[in-house]
N, C-alpha and C. Protein backbone atom coordinates (compact mmCIF):
# COMPACT_ATOMS: atom_id res chain seq x y z
N MET A 1 156.31 -154.80 71.44
CA MET A 1 156.84 -155.47 70.24
C MET A 1 158.18 -156.08 70.23
N LYS A 2 158.44 -157.24 69.50
CA LYS A 2 159.55 -157.67 69.86
C LYS A 2 160.04 -157.94 68.23
N VAL A 3 161.42 -158.22 67.63
CA VAL A 3 161.59 -158.32 66.37
C VAL A 3 162.08 -159.70 66.23
N VAL A 4 161.22 -160.43 65.26
CA VAL A 4 161.49 -162.16 64.79
C VAL A 4 162.12 -161.91 63.78
N SER A 5 162.42 -161.34 62.96
CA SER A 5 163.47 -161.12 61.80
C SER A 5 163.32 -159.99 60.94
N GLY A 6 164.40 -160.06 60.04
CA GLY A 6 164.54 -158.39 59.23
C GLY A 6 165.46 -159.31 58.15
N GLY A 7 166.06 -157.80 57.80
CA GLY A 7 166.75 -157.89 56.46
C GLY A 7 166.78 -156.59 55.91
N LEU A 8 167.40 -156.58 54.73
CA LEU A 8 167.52 -155.30 54.06
C LEU A 8 167.56 -155.45 52.21
N SER A 9 167.41 -154.42 52.16
CA SER A 9 167.46 -153.79 50.49
C SER A 9 168.10 -153.19 50.31
N ALA A 10 168.71 -153.36 49.00
CA ALA A 10 169.82 -152.27 48.45
C ALA A 10 169.82 -151.99 46.75
N GLY A 11 169.74 -150.97 46.58
CA GLY A 11 169.55 -150.61 45.45
C GLY A 11 170.81 -149.54 44.85
N GLY A 12 170.80 -148.96 43.90
CA GLY A 12 171.59 -148.15 42.83
C GLY A 12 172.24 -148.80 41.99
N ALA A 13 172.96 -147.88 40.61
CA ALA A 13 173.22 -148.58 39.67
C ALA A 13 174.71 -149.28 39.87
N THR A 14 175.23 -149.40 40.91
CA THR A 14 176.19 -150.35 41.24
C THR A 14 175.86 -151.65 42.42
N ALA A 15 174.92 -151.23 42.67
CA ALA A 15 174.90 -152.41 44.24
C ALA A 15 174.95 -153.34 43.99
N ALA A 16 174.81 -154.23 42.61
CA ALA A 16 175.05 -155.70 42.44
C ALA A 16 176.29 -156.11 42.46
N LYS A 17 176.92 -155.09 42.01
CA LYS A 17 178.54 -155.68 41.39
C LYS A 17 179.48 -155.12 42.84
N PHE A 18 178.93 -154.24 43.33
CA PHE A 18 179.98 -153.37 44.27
C PHE A 18 179.48 -153.56 45.80
N LEU A 19 178.49 -153.97 45.72
CA LEU A 19 178.47 -154.05 47.39
C LEU A 19 178.42 -155.17 48.09
N ASP A 20 179.05 -155.28 49.37
CA ASP A 20 179.36 -156.41 50.16
C ASP A 20 178.61 -155.95 51.92
N ILE A 21 177.69 -157.07 52.06
CA ILE A 21 176.87 -156.64 53.02
C ILE A 21 177.49 -157.53 54.25
N THR A 22 178.06 -156.49 55.26
CA THR A 22 178.67 -156.86 56.42
C THR A 22 178.20 -157.34 57.17
N GLU A 23 176.90 -156.84 57.32
CA GLU A 23 176.11 -157.13 59.07
C GLU A 23 174.73 -156.92 58.87
N SER A 24 173.72 -157.78 59.01
CA SER A 24 172.51 -157.71 59.37
C SER A 24 172.13 -158.54 60.32
N TYR A 25 171.73 -158.25 61.33
CA TYR A 25 171.14 -159.07 62.65
C TYR A 25 170.33 -158.03 63.48
N PRO A 26 169.77 -158.81 64.60
CA PRO A 26 168.96 -158.34 65.76
C PRO A 26 169.87 -157.12 66.64
N SER A 27 169.68 -156.14 66.60
CA SER A 27 170.59 -155.61 67.60
C SER A 27 170.03 -155.40 69.26
N ALA A 28 168.91 -155.29 69.13
CA ALA A 28 168.04 -155.12 70.40
C ALA A 28 166.54 -155.79 70.29
N SER A 29 166.08 -155.97 71.17
CA SER A 29 164.60 -156.40 70.96
C SER A 29 163.83 -155.93 70.04
N ASN A 30 163.97 -154.53 69.59
CA ASN A 30 163.13 -153.60 68.93
C ASN A 30 163.97 -153.28 67.88
N ALA A 31 165.24 -153.56 67.59
CA ALA A 31 165.95 -153.36 66.36
C ALA A 31 166.68 -153.96 65.37
N TRP A 32 166.77 -153.53 64.27
CA TRP A 32 167.59 -154.50 63.41
C TRP A 32 168.72 -153.63 62.80
N THR A 33 169.73 -154.27 62.48
CA THR A 33 171.45 -153.37 62.03
C THR A 33 171.68 -153.86 60.89
N VAL A 34 171.90 -152.98 59.89
CA VAL A 34 172.59 -153.59 58.94
C VAL A 34 173.57 -152.82 58.43
N SER A 35 174.66 -153.24 57.87
CA SER A 35 175.49 -152.20 57.57
C SER A 35 176.25 -152.85 56.01
N ALA A 36 177.07 -152.06 55.18
CA ALA A 36 177.66 -152.81 54.36
C ALA A 36 178.90 -152.06 53.79
N MET A 37 179.62 -152.36 52.62
CA MET A 37 180.97 -151.65 52.32
C MET A 37 180.66 -151.54 50.45
N ASN A 38 180.45 -150.46 50.36
CA ASN A 38 180.54 -149.91 48.90
C ASN A 38 182.00 -150.08 48.12
N TRP A 39 182.07 -150.79 47.45
CA TRP A 39 183.48 -151.22 46.86
C TRP A 39 183.58 -150.33 45.25
N ALA A 40 182.69 -149.57 45.08
CA ALA A 40 182.91 -149.14 43.80
C ALA A 40 183.60 -147.34 43.63
N GLY A 41 184.08 -146.85 44.79
CA GLY A 41 184.71 -145.82 44.65
C GLY A 41 183.58 -144.55 44.59
N ASN A 42 183.78 -143.98 43.27
CA ASN A 42 183.05 -143.05 42.98
C ASN A 42 182.20 -143.75 41.87
N GLY A 43 181.39 -144.74 41.91
CA GLY A 43 180.35 -145.50 41.18
C GLY A 43 179.30 -145.07 41.20
N GLY A 44 178.62 -144.09 42.25
CA GLY A 44 177.74 -143.39 42.55
C GLY A 44 177.17 -143.93 43.62
N PRO A 45 175.93 -143.63 44.17
CA PRO A 45 175.31 -144.15 45.48
C PRO A 45 174.88 -144.97 45.81
N ILE A 46 174.76 -146.13 46.87
CA ILE A 46 174.16 -147.40 46.89
C ILE A 46 173.07 -146.76 48.21
N VAL A 47 171.67 -147.03 48.18
CA VAL A 47 171.16 -147.18 49.06
C VAL A 47 170.94 -148.41 49.77
N ILE A 48 170.94 -148.47 50.91
CA ILE A 48 170.21 -149.35 51.85
C ILE A 48 169.29 -149.40 52.79
N THR A 49 168.55 -150.12 52.79
CA THR A 49 167.58 -150.08 53.50
C THR A 49 167.02 -151.16 54.45
N GLY A 50 167.14 -151.17 55.95
CA GLY A 50 166.89 -151.84 56.87
C GLY A 50 165.29 -152.29 56.91
N TYR A 51 165.02 -153.60 57.27
CA TYR A 51 163.68 -154.24 57.27
C TYR A 51 163.54 -154.98 59.00
N ALA A 52 162.90 -154.39 59.64
CA ALA A 52 162.56 -155.28 60.93
C ALA A 52 161.28 -155.69 61.07
N ILE A 53 161.06 -157.37 61.31
CA ILE A 53 159.47 -157.77 61.38
C ILE A 53 159.48 -158.07 62.92
N CYS A 54 158.29 -157.34 63.28
CA CYS A 54 158.05 -157.34 64.81
C CYS A 54 156.65 -158.04 65.01
N ALA A 55 156.76 -158.57 66.35
CA ALA A 55 155.69 -159.17 66.54
C ALA A 55 155.03 -159.21 67.91
N ASN A 56 154.16 -159.11 68.43
CA ASN A 56 153.74 -159.05 69.99
C ASN A 56 154.42 -160.07 71.03
């Protein structure tokens, strides 16, 4: 299997207002890396889920 595409979803009470996506890229032939910065301080948790779409 090889990663052909990917991305992320983010949720939480403050995600839309205080979340900056800093990275989203294929980090290996079988992995996708995502990271983000939560600028909300103590505004509550933000959940980030990375997705990879793979093909043979």
